[in-house]
């Protein structure tokens, strides 16, 4: 699963192998935070 969330000036991107999980489950993946500001 891959999801992207924008909250200026940051872009959050999460990537996991699983497509679904239950609340409280531990998951593994990658979280990427990028500054998309022009400054």
PDB file of N, CA and C in Angstrom:
ATOM      1  N   UNK A   1       0.843  -1.169   0.000  1.00  0.00           N
ATOM      2  CA  UNK A   1       0.000   0.000   0.000  1.00  0.00           C
ATOM      3  C   UNK A   1       0.890   1.234   0.000  1.00  0.00           C
ATOM      4  N   UNK A   2       0.457   2.224  -0.697  1.00  0.00           N
ATOM      5  CA  UNK A   2       1.177   3.493  -0.721  1.00  0.00           C
ATOM      6  C   UNK A   2       0.160   4.612  -0.554  1.00  0.00           C
ATOM      7  N   UNK A   3       0.474   5.551   0.324  1.00  0.00           N
ATOM      8  CA  UNK A   3      -0.424   6.663   0.581  1.00  0.00           C
ATOM      9  C   UNK A   3       0.389   7.940   0.697  1.00  0.00           C
ATOM     10  N   UNK A   4      -0.167   9.038   0.190  1.00  0.00           N
ATOM     11  CA  UNK A   4       0.505  10.333   0.250  1.00  0.00           C
ATOM     12  C   UNK A   4      -0.455  11.332   0.881  1.00  0.00           C
ATOM     13  N   UNK A   5       0.072  12.145   1.806  1.00  0.00           N
ATOM     14  CA  UNK A   5      -0.711  13.164   2.499  1.00  0.00           C
ATOM     15  C   UNK A   5       0.068  14.468   2.438  1.00  0.00           C
ATOM     16  N   UNK A   6      -0.587  15.552   2.053  1.00  0.00           N
ATOM     17  CA  UNK A   6       0.060  16.859   1.954  1.00  0.00           C
ATOM     18  C   UNK A   6      -0.441  17.768   3.064  1.00  0.00           C
ATOM     19  N   UNK A   7       0.491  18.365   3.769  1.00  0.00           N
ATOM     20  CA  UNK A   7       0.183  19.393   4.766  1.00  0.00           C
ATOM     21  C   UNK A   7       1.286  20.428   4.618  1.00  0.00           C
ATOM     22  N   UNK A   8       1.012  21.449   3.805  1.00  0.00           N
ATOM     23  CA  UNK A   8       2.047  22.415   3.428  1.00  0.00           C
ATOM     24  C   UNK A   8       2.827  22.912   4.618  1.00  0.00           C
ATOM     25  N   UNK A   9       4.136  22.960   4.514  1.00  0.00           N
ATOM     26  CA  UNK A   9       4.964  22.705   3.335  1.00  0.00           C
ATOM     27  C   UNK A   9       5.478  21.263   3.257  1.00  0.00           C
ATOM     28  N   UNK A  10       4.855  20.327   3.957  1.00  0.00           N
ATOM     29  CA  UNK A  10       5.388  18.963   4.012  1.00  0.00           C
ATOM     30  C   UNK A  10       4.535  17.975   3.222  1.00  0.00           C
ATOM     31  N   UNK A  11       5.194  16.966   2.690  1.00  0.00           N
ATOM     32  CA  UNK A  11       4.542  15.843   2.022  1.00  0.00           C
ATOM     33  C   UNK A  11       4.913  14.585   2.795  1.00  0.00           C
ATOM     34  N   UNK A  12       3.909  13.845   3.249  1.00  0.00           N
ATOM     35  CA  UNK A  12       4.132  12.596   3.980  1.00  0.00           C
ATOM     36  C   UNK A  12       3.775  11.438   3.056  1.00  0.00           C
ATOM     37  N   UNK A  13       4.646  10.461   2.974  1.00  0.00           N
ATOM     38  CA  UNK A  13       4.407   9.297   2.122  1.00  0.00           C
ATOM     39  C   UNK A  13       4.678   8.045   2.943  1.00  0.00           C
ATOM     40  N   UNK A  14       3.696   7.143   3.007  1.00  0.00           N
ATOM     41  CA  UNK A  14       3.874   5.887   3.727  1.00  0.00           C
ATOM     42  C   UNK A  14       3.747   4.741   2.733  1.00  0.00           C
ATOM     43  N   UNK A  15       4.618   3.762   2.893  1.00  0.00           N
ATOM     44  CA  UNK A  15       4.619   2.603   2.004  1.00  0.00           C
ATOM     45  C   UNK A  15       4.751   1.344   2.856  1.00  0.00           C
ATOM     46  N   UNK A  16       3.804   0.410   2.681  1.00  0.00           N
ATOM     47  CA  UNK A  16       3.816  -0.857   3.411  1.00  0.00           C
ATOM     48  C   UNK A  16       3.571  -2.003   2.439  1.00  0.00           C
ATOM     49  N   UNK A  17       3.937  -3.209   2.860  1.00  0.00           N
ATOM     50  CA  UNK A  17       3.674  -4.392   2.042  1.00  0.00           C
ATOM     51  C   UNK A  17       2.221  -4.841   2.162  1.00  0.00           C
ATOM     52  N   UNK A  18       1.603  -4.609   3.317  1.00  0.00           N
ATOM     53  CA  UNK A  18       0.225  -5.057   3.562  1.00  0.00           C
ATOM     54  C   UNK A  18      -0.782  -4.078   2.976  1.00  0.00           C
ATOM     55  N   UNK A  19      -1.909  -4.601   2.529  1.00  0.00           N
ATOM     56  CA  UNK A  19      -2.992  -3.770   2.011  1.00  0.00           C
ATOM     57  C   UNK A  19      -3.980  -3.380   3.110  1.00  0.00           C
ATOM     58  N   UNK A  20      -4.041  -4.185   4.181  1.00  0.00           N
ATOM     59  CA  UNK A  20      -4.968  -3.878   5.276  1.00  0.00           C
ATOM     60  C   UNK A  20      -4.421  -4.436   6.579  1.00  0.00           C
ATOM     61  N   UNK A  21      -4.879  -3.849   7.680  1.00  0.00           N
ATOM     62  CA  UNK A  21      -4.503  -4.313   9.006  1.00  0.00           C
ATOM     63  C   UNK A  21      -5.555  -3.820   9.984  1.00  0.00           C
ATOM     64  N   UNK A  22      -5.575  -4.418  11.167  1.00  0.00           N
ATOM     65  CA  UNK A  22      -6.535  -4.041  12.201  1.00  0.00           C
ATOM     66  C   UNK A  22      -5.937  -2.990  13.118  1.00  0.00           C
ATOM     67  N   UNK A  23      -6.812  -2.193  13.716  1.00  0.00           N
ATOM     68  CA  UNK A  23      -6.355  -1.176  14.650  1.00  0.00           C
ATOM     69  C   UNK A  23      -5.568  -1.838  15.771  1.00  0.00           C
ATOM     70  N   UNK A  24      -4.416  -1.285  16.078  1.00  0.00           N
ATOM     71  CA  UNK A  24      -3.571  -1.822  17.136  1.00  0.00           C
ATOM     72  C   UNK A  24      -2.513  -2.787  16.640  1.00  0.00           C
ATOM     73  N   UNK A  25      -2.634  -3.260  15.396  1.00  0.00           N
ATOM     74  CA  UNK A  25      -1.619  -4.148  14.824  1.00  0.00           C
ATOM     75  C   UNK A  25      -0.312  -3.392  14.606  1.00  0.00           C
ATOM     76  N   UNK A  26       0.791  -4.097  14.743  1.00  0.00           N
ATOM     77  CA  UNK A  26       2.093  -3.538  14.389  1.00  0.00           C
ATOM     78  C   UNK A  26       2.298  -3.740  12.894  1.00  0.00           C
ATOM     79  N   UNK A  27       2.812  -2.715  12.238  1.00  0.00           N
ATOM     80  CA  UNK A  27       3.094  -2.830  10.809  1.00  0.00           C
ATOM     81  C   UNK A  27       4.525  -2.384  10.549  1.00  0.00           C
ATOM     82  N   UNK A  28       5.056  -2.818   9.437  1.00  0.00           N
ATOM     83  CA  UNK A  28       6.379  -2.387   9.015  1.00  0.00           C
ATOM     84  C   UNK A  28       6.233  -1.696   7.673  1.00  0.00           C
ATOM     85  N   UNK A  29       7.056  -0.702   7.478  1.00  0.00           N
ATOM     86  CA  UNK A  29       7.004   0.016   6.216  1.00  0.00           C
ATOM     87  C   UNK A  29       8.010   1.143   6.208  1.00  0.00           C
ATOM     88  N   UNK A  30       7.757   2.077   5.334  1.00  0.00           N
ATOM     89  CA  UNK A  30       8.666   3.203   5.159  1.00  0.00           C
ATOM     90  C   UNK A  30       7.854   4.493   5.206  1.00  0.00           C
ATOM     91  N   UNK A  31       8.306   5.442   6.005  1.00  0.00           N
ATOM     92  CA  UNK A  31       7.686   6.761   6.084  1.00  0.00           C
ATOM     93  C   UNK A  31       8.680   7.769   5.545  1.00  0.00           C
ATOM     94  N   UNK A  32       8.242   8.549   4.575  1.00  0.00           N
ATOM     95  CA  UNK A  32       9.104   9.557   3.967  1.00  0.00           C
ATOM     96  C   UNK A  32       8.442  10.913   4.146  1.00  0.00           C
ATOM     97  N   UNK A  33       9.192  11.884   4.661  1.00  0.00           N
ATOM     98  CA  UNK A  33       8.685  13.244   4.845  1.00  0.00           C
ATOM     99  C   UNK A  33       9.554  14.168   4.008  1.00  0.00           C
ATOM    100  N   UNK A  34       8.906  14.961   3.158  1.00  0.00           N
ATOM    101  CA  UNK A  34       9.632  15.842   2.254  1.00  0.00           C
ATOM    102  C   UNK A  34       9.130  17.266   2.388  1.00  0.00           C
ATOM    103  N   UNK A  35      10.043  18.227   2.392  1.00  0.00           N
ATOM    104  CA  UNK A  35       9.688  19.640   2.409  1.00  0.00           C
ATOM    105  C   UNK A  35       9.509  20.084   0.963  1.00  0.00           C
ATOM    106  N   UNK A  36       8.289  20.497   0.598  1.00  0.00           N
ATOM    107  CA  UNK A  36       8.017  20.902  -0.778  1.00  0.00           C
ATOM    108  C   UNK A  36       7.893  22.420  -0.908  1.00  0.00           C
ATOM    109  N   UNK A  37       8.405  23.130   0.074  1.00  0.00           N
ATOM    110  CA  UNK A  37       8.382  24.586   0.057  1.00  0.00           C
ATOM    111  C   UNK A  37       9.324  25.118  -1.021  1.00  0.00           C
ATOM    112  N   UNK A  38       8.959  26.228  -1.617  1.00  0.00           N
ATOM    113  CA  UNK A  38       9.802  26.857  -2.639  1.00  0.00           C
ATOM    114  C   UNK A  38      10.979  27.597  -2.018  1.00  0.00           C
ATOM    115  N   UNK A  39      10.930  27.840  -0.743  1.00  0.00           N
ATOM    116  CA  UNK A  39      12.007  28.591  -0.068  1.00  0.00           C
ATOM    117  C   UNK A  39      13.205  27.732   0.198  1.00  0.00           C
TER     118      UNK A  39
END
